[in-house]
Amino acid sequence: MLGETGQPGSKQGLLGQAGARPGLLSQAWATLTRHGPAALLLATLVALWEFACRWFAIPHFVLPRPSQVAVALWQWREPLVLEHLPVTAAETLLGLGISIILGVALATAMHLSPTAGRAVYPLIVASQTIPIIALSPIFLFWFGYSMAQKVAVVVLVAFFPIAVAARDGLRAADPDLLDWMKASGASRWRVFRMAEAPAALPSFFSGLKVGASVSVIGAVLGEWLGGQSGLGVFGRRAASNLKSPELLASVVLLALLGIGLFLAATLVERVALRYKK
């Protein structure tokens, strides 16, 4: 009877365990296939970097070895992770959130009103032709050495790809579906909500991933101009003292922050597109 119930030790139980094992192996192999090449390339580049610095005896203030950067990360882990990283992350997230609201609002306004699109779109493009480093001091005059100054720089950097991608996505809805809905008497709001907005999601998330990645740049630019804390402030102080390992340690954390925001946007994209289907 034990063998018929499929309890451990029975034929069915053993078959179930044997069937589960290949599933885990296949998942592990799929993960390795997906991320293995990138991890291998990164490890190779780091090894070549370490070897070149040692072979050519490059001074640490010119180009520190990866091992020296790792040591700096460990030595400065508490101020970096507990003091400076949260400040930069807060500035980045707040600026990115405002960028999403502003970008989607502008994209919707430009799509629903062609006149607004012709008036606003050139100004949005023109805002990106001005070097951010030239506008940052103006924000400093307006907001002072506050978080608002850093957030403003983040918004200026991040909202453009979100707005443009969302606008292009709204224009990519199926024309036949739009004609059918209009012929059926659907209101303009219903057409936008049921057809145009869902069609814009892939493009919107593409712009969001770009905006999330570059938003860290805006936060660092704002911090380099002035502030008391943040990874940009830590990196600026390290650079002024020729402490390249500490500088690159802050850069590593900035890169991880940008990658984390990109992955978060990717996860939200998967959930939203799955819900759309």
Protein backbone atom coordinates (compact mmCIF):
# COMPACT_ATOMS: atom_id res chain seq x y z
CA MET A 1 0.00 0.00 0.00
CA LEU A 2 2.88 2.37 0.71
CA GLY A 3 4.09 2.06 -2.85
CA GLU A 4 0.61 2.83 -4.22
CA THR A 5 0.17 6.06 -2.23
CA GLY A 6 3.28 7.68 -3.62
CA GLN A 7 4.90 8.19 -0.21
CA PRO A 8 8.69 8.57 0.02
CA GLY A 9 10.31 5.30 -0.90
CA SER A 10 7.52 4.29 -3.28
CA LYS A 11 7.86 4.13 -7.03
CA GLN A 12 5.76 7.27 -7.59
CA GLY A 13 7.66 9.21 -4.94
CA LEU A 14 10.99 8.31 -6.50
CA LEU A 15 9.71 9.28 -9.94
CA GLY A 16 8.51 12.61 -8.56
CA GLN A 17 11.91 13.33 -7.06
CA ALA A 18 13.65 12.29 -10.26
CA GLY A 19 11.35 14.56 -12.25
CA ALA A 20 12.00 17.52 -9.95
CA ARG A 21 15.77 17.19 -10.21
CA PRO A 22 15.98 17.76 -13.99
CA GLY A 23 13.70 20.76 -13.56
CA LEU A 24 16.10 22.38 -11.10
CA LEU A 25 19.04 21.52 -13.31
CA SER A 26 17.35 23.02 -16.35
CA GLN A 27 16.59 26.22 -14.45
CA ALA A 28 20.18 26.44 -13.25
CA TRP A 29 21.44 25.84 -16.78
CA ALA A 30 19.09 28.50 -18.18
CA THR A 31 20.34 31.01 -15.58
CA LEU A 32 23.95 30.17 -16.36
CA THR A 33 23.33 30.47 -20.10
CA ARG A 34 21.61 33.83 -19.65
CA HIS A 35 24.07 35.49 -17.28
CA GLY A 36 27.20 33.38 -17.67
CA PRO A 37 28.73 35.20 -20.69
CA ALA A 38 28.37 38.61 -19.05
CA ALA A 39 29.83 37.36 -15.76
CA LEU A 40 32.71 35.68 -17.59
CA LEU A 41 33.47 38.82 -19.60
CA LEU A 42 33.38 40.98 -16.46
CA ALA A 43 35.69 38.60 -14.59
CA THR A 44 38.09 38.57 -17.56
CA LEU A 45 38.20 42.36 -17.76
CA VAL A 46 38.79 42.68 -14.02
CA ALA A 47 41.60 40.09 -14.18
CA LEU A 48 43.23 41.91 -17.12
CA TRP A 49 42.90 45.20 -15.26
CA GLU A 50 44.59 43.73 -12.18
CA PHE A 51 47.34 42.14 -14.26
CA ALA A 52 48.04 45.31 -16.29
CA CYS A 53 48.30 47.48 -13.16
CA ARG A 54 50.77 45.07 -11.58
CA TRP A 55 52.78 44.38 -14.74
CA PHE A 56 53.24 48.04 -15.70
CA ALA A 57 53.50 49.22 -12.07
CA ILE A 58 50.81 51.84 -12.55
CA PRO A 59 50.57 54.17 -9.52
CA HIS A 60 47.40 53.73 -7.53
CA PHE A 61 46.46 57.41 -7.87
CA VAL A 62 46.52 57.04 -11.68
CA LEU A 63 44.69 53.72 -11.92
CA PRO A 64 44.15 51.62 -8.81
CA ARG A 65 43.98 47.85 -9.01
CA PRO A 66 40.61 46.15 -8.54
CA SER A 67 41.97 44.59 -5.37
CA GLN A 68 42.75 48.07 -4.01
CA VAL A 69 39.22 49.20 -4.89
CA ALA A 70 37.84 46.17 -3.05
CA VAL A 71 39.94 47.05 -0.01
CA ALA A 72 38.67 50.64 -0.12
CA LEU A 73 35.10 49.38 -0.33
CA TRP A 74 35.65 47.26 2.75
CA GLN A 75 37.47 49.95 4.74
CA TRP A 76 34.89 52.63 3.96
CA ARG A 77 31.86 50.34 3.96
CA GLU A 78 30.10 52.02 6.87
CA PRO A 79 30.21 55.67 5.65
CA LEU A 80 29.63 54.59 2.05
CA VAL A 81 26.70 52.28 2.67
CA LEU A 82 25.13 53.88 5.74
CA GLU A 83 25.75 57.58 5.12
CA HIS A 84 26.37 58.40 1.46
CA LEU A 85 24.51 55.69 -0.48
CA PRO A 86 21.08 56.35 1.14
CA VAL A 87 21.34 60.07 0.30
CA THR A 88 22.14 59.44 -3.36
CA ALA A 89 19.47 56.73 -3.58
CA ALA A 90 16.83 59.06 -2.09
CA GLU A 91 17.71 61.86 -4.51
CA THR A 92 17.66 59.46 -7.44
CA LEU A 93 14.35 57.82 -6.53
CA LEU A 94 12.60 61.12 -5.83
CA GLY A 95 13.88 62.64 -9.08
CA LEU A 96 12.94 59.53 -11.03
CA GLY A 97 9.45 59.52 -9.56
CA ILE A 98 8.93 63.16 -10.55
CA SER A 99 10.35 62.38 -14.00
CA ILE A 100 7.82 59.58 -14.50
CA ILE A 101 4.90 61.82 -13.54
CA LEU A 102 6.15 64.74 -15.62
CA GLY A 103 7.13 62.59 -18.60
CA VAL A 104 3.83 60.72 -18.75
CA ALA A 105 1.83 63.93 -18.28
CA LEU A 106 3.70 65.70 -21.07
CA ALA A 107 3.45 62.69 -23.37
CA THR A 108 -0.30 62.42 -22.78
CA ALA A 109 -0.84 66.14 -23.33
CA MET A 110 1.18 66.10 -26.56
CA HIS A 111 -0.71 63.06 -27.80
CA LEU A 112 -4.20 64.27 -26.99
CA SER A 113 -3.57 67.80 -28.26
CA PRO A 114 -1.57 68.14 -31.49
CA THR A 115 -1.27 71.86 -30.82
CA ALA A 116 0.30 71.19 -27.44
CA GLY A 117 2.60 68.65 -29.09
CA ARG A 118 3.84 71.16 -31.65
CA ALA A 119 4.40 73.73 -28.91
CA VAL A 120 5.96 71.56 -26.20
CA TYR A 121 7.97 68.94 -28.07
CA PRO A 122 10.58 71.36 -29.50
CA LEU A 123 11.10 72.80 -26.01
CA ILE A 124 11.64 69.31 -24.57
CA VAL A 125 14.24 68.58 -27.25
CA ALA A 126 15.89 71.98 -26.69
CA SER A 127 16.17 71.25 -22.96
CA GLN A 128 18.45 68.34 -23.78
CA THR A 129 20.78 70.33 -26.02
CA ILE A 130 21.96 72.47 -23.11
CA PRO A 131 24.81 70.86 -21.16
CA ILE A 132 23.56 69.75 -17.76
CA ILE A 133 26.76 70.94 -16.11
CA ALA A 134 25.95 74.46 -17.35
CA LEU A 135 22.46 74.45 -15.83
CA SER A 136 23.46 72.90 -12.52
CA PRO A 137 24.90 76.16 -11.08
CA ILE A 138 21.61 77.89 -11.89
CA PHE A 139 19.75 75.25 -9.90
CA LEU A 140 22.28 75.86 -7.15
CA PHE A 141 21.37 79.56 -7.12
CA TRP A 142 17.66 78.71 -7.02
CA PHE A 143 17.62 75.89 -4.47
CA GLY A 144 20.92 76.24 -2.62
CA TYR A 145 22.76 73.25 -1.20
CA SER A 146 19.59 71.26 -0.64
CA MET A 147 18.13 68.02 -1.90
CA ALA A 148 15.86 70.00 -4.22
CA GLN A 149 18.87 71.08 -6.27
CA LYS A 150 19.99 67.48 -6.80
CA VAL A 151 16.46 66.31 -7.55
CA ALA A 152 16.05 69.05 -10.15
CA VAL A 153 19.16 67.86 -11.97
CA VAL A 154 17.89 64.27 -11.86
CA VAL A 155 14.56 65.34 -13.36
CA LEU A 156 16.28 67.28 -16.12
CA VAL A 157 18.29 64.18 -17.04
CA ALA A 158 15.67 61.46 -16.63
CA PHE A 159 12.35 62.88 -17.81
CA PHE A 160 13.34 63.26 -21.49
CA PRO A 161 13.67 59.56 -22.44
CA ILE A 162 10.50 58.76 -20.50
CA ALA A 163 8.46 61.51 -22.17
CA VAL A 164 9.68 60.75 -25.69
CA ALA A 165 9.25 56.99 -25.36
CA ALA A 166 5.76 57.35 -23.88
CA ARG A 167 4.71 59.73 -26.67
CA ASP A 168 6.00 57.39 -29.37
CA GLY A 169 4.25 54.48 -27.69
CA LEU A 170 0.91 56.29 -27.63
CA ARG A 171 1.21 56.86 -31.34
CA ALA A 172 1.93 53.18 -31.99
CA ALA A 173 -1.57 51.87 -31.30
CA ASP A 174 -3.16 49.66 -33.95
CA PRO A 175 -4.91 51.98 -36.46
CA ASP A 176 -7.52 49.34 -37.31
CA LEU A 177 -8.43 48.96 -33.64
CA LEU A 178 -8.69 52.72 -33.25
CA ASP A 179 -10.95 53.01 -36.31
CA TRP A 180 -13.15 50.18 -35.05
CA MET A 181 -13.53 51.75 -31.62
CA LYS A 182 -14.33 55.15 -33.09
CA ALA A 183 -16.87 53.62 -35.46
CA SER A 184 -18.43 51.83 -32.48
CA GLY A 185 -19.00 55.15 -30.76
CA ALA A 186 -16.29 54.86 -28.12
CA SER A 187 -15.42 58.10 -26.36
CA ARG A 188 -11.99 59.69 -26.69
CA TRP A 189 -11.14 58.74 -23.10
CA ARG A 190 -12.21 55.13 -23.68
CA VAL A 191 -10.07 54.89 -26.82
CA PHE A 192 -7.11 56.27 -24.90
CA ARG A 193 -7.64 53.99 -21.90
CA MET A 194 -8.45 50.76 -23.75
CA ALA A 195 -6.24 50.99 -26.85
CA GLU A 196 -3.61 53.70 -26.82
CA ALA A 197 -2.36 53.49 -23.23
CA PRO A 198 -1.87 49.68 -23.28
CA ALA A 199 -0.07 49.92 -26.63
CA ALA A 200 2.30 52.51 -25.14
CA LEU A 201 3.49 50.29 -22.28
CA PRO A 202 6.44 48.60 -24.08
CA SER A 203 7.81 51.93 -25.30
CA PHE A 204 7.18 53.58 -21.95
CA PHE A 205 9.13 50.92 -20.08
CA SER A 206 11.98 51.18 -22.58
CA GLY A 207 12.22 54.88 -21.80
CA LEU A 208 11.83 54.18 -18.08
CA LYS A 209 14.79 51.78 -18.09
CA VAL A 210 16.92 54.39 -19.82
CA GLY A 211 15.74 57.11 -17.44
CA ALA A 212 16.35 54.90 -14.40
CA SER A 213 19.90 54.20 -15.55
CA VAL A 214 20.84 57.82 -16.24
CA SER A 215 19.06 59.25 -13.19
CA VAL A 216 22.08 58.31 -11.09
CA ILE A 217 24.19 60.59 -13.29
CA GLY A 218 21.96 63.54 -12.45
CA ALA A 219 22.22 62.90 -8.72
CA VAL A 220 26.02 62.73 -8.89
CA LEU A 221 26.24 65.92 -10.96
CA GLY A 222 24.18 67.74 -8.37
CA GLU A 223 26.31 66.38 -5.53
CA TRP A 224 29.56 67.31 -7.23
CA LEU A 225 28.51 70.95 -7.24
CA GLY A 226 27.97 70.99 -3.53
CA GLY A 227 26.58 69.08 -0.61
CA GLN A 228 27.42 67.46 2.67
CA SER A 229 26.77 63.82 1.86
CA GLY A 230 26.17 61.49 -1.05
CA LEU A 231 28.33 59.28 -3.21
CA GLY A 232 29.14 62.23 -5.46
CA VAL A 233 30.40 64.22 -2.47
CA PHE A 234 32.46 61.25 -1.29
CA GLY A 235 33.95 60.82 -4.77
CA ARG A 236 34.74 64.51 -5.10
CA ARG A 237 36.58 64.54 -1.78
CA ALA A 238 38.49 61.40 -2.72
CA ALA A 239 39.47 62.89 -6.09
CA SER A 240 40.71 66.11 -4.51
CA ASN A 241 42.97 64.04 -2.23
CA LEU A 242 44.19 61.79 -5.07
CA LYS A 243 42.56 58.77 -3.44
CA SER A 244 41.62 56.92 -6.59
CA PRO A 245 40.67 53.62 -4.88
CA GLU A 246 38.10 55.42 -2.73
CA LEU A 247 36.85 57.31 -5.80
CA LEU A 248 36.34 54.11 -7.75
CA ALA A 249 34.72 52.49 -4.72
CA SER A 250 32.01 55.17 -4.87
CA VAL A 251 31.74 54.62 -8.63
CA VAL A 252 31.16 50.90 -8.07
CA LEU A 253 28.28 51.65 -5.69
CA LEU A 254 26.85 54.14 -8.18
CA ALA A 255 26.98 51.50 -10.90
CA LEU A 256 25.25 48.99 -8.64
CA LEU A 257 22.57 51.56 -7.84
CA GLY A 258 21.96 52.19 -11.53
CA ILE A 259 21.84 48.47 -12.28
CA GLY A 260 19.42 47.94 -9.40
CA LEU A 261 17.06 50.63 -10.74
CA PHE A 262 17.26 49.13 -14.23
CA LEU A 263 16.41 45.66 -12.90
CA ALA A 264 13.55 47.08 -10.84
CA ALA A 265 12.12 48.76 -13.93
CA THR A 266 12.50 45.49 -15.84
CA LEU A 267 10.63 43.59 -13.12
CA VAL A 268 7.78 46.12 -13.11
CA GLU A 269 7.67 45.88 -16.90
CA ARG A 270 7.25 42.11 -16.81
CA VAL A 271 4.45 42.32 -14.27
CA ALA A 272 2.63 45.12 -16.14
CA LEU A 273 2.88 43.46 -19.54
CA ARG A 274 1.74 40.14 -18.10
CA TYR A 275 -1.26 41.87 -16.55
CA LYS A 276 -1.94 43.60 -19.88
CA LYS A 277 -2.19 40.23 -21.61
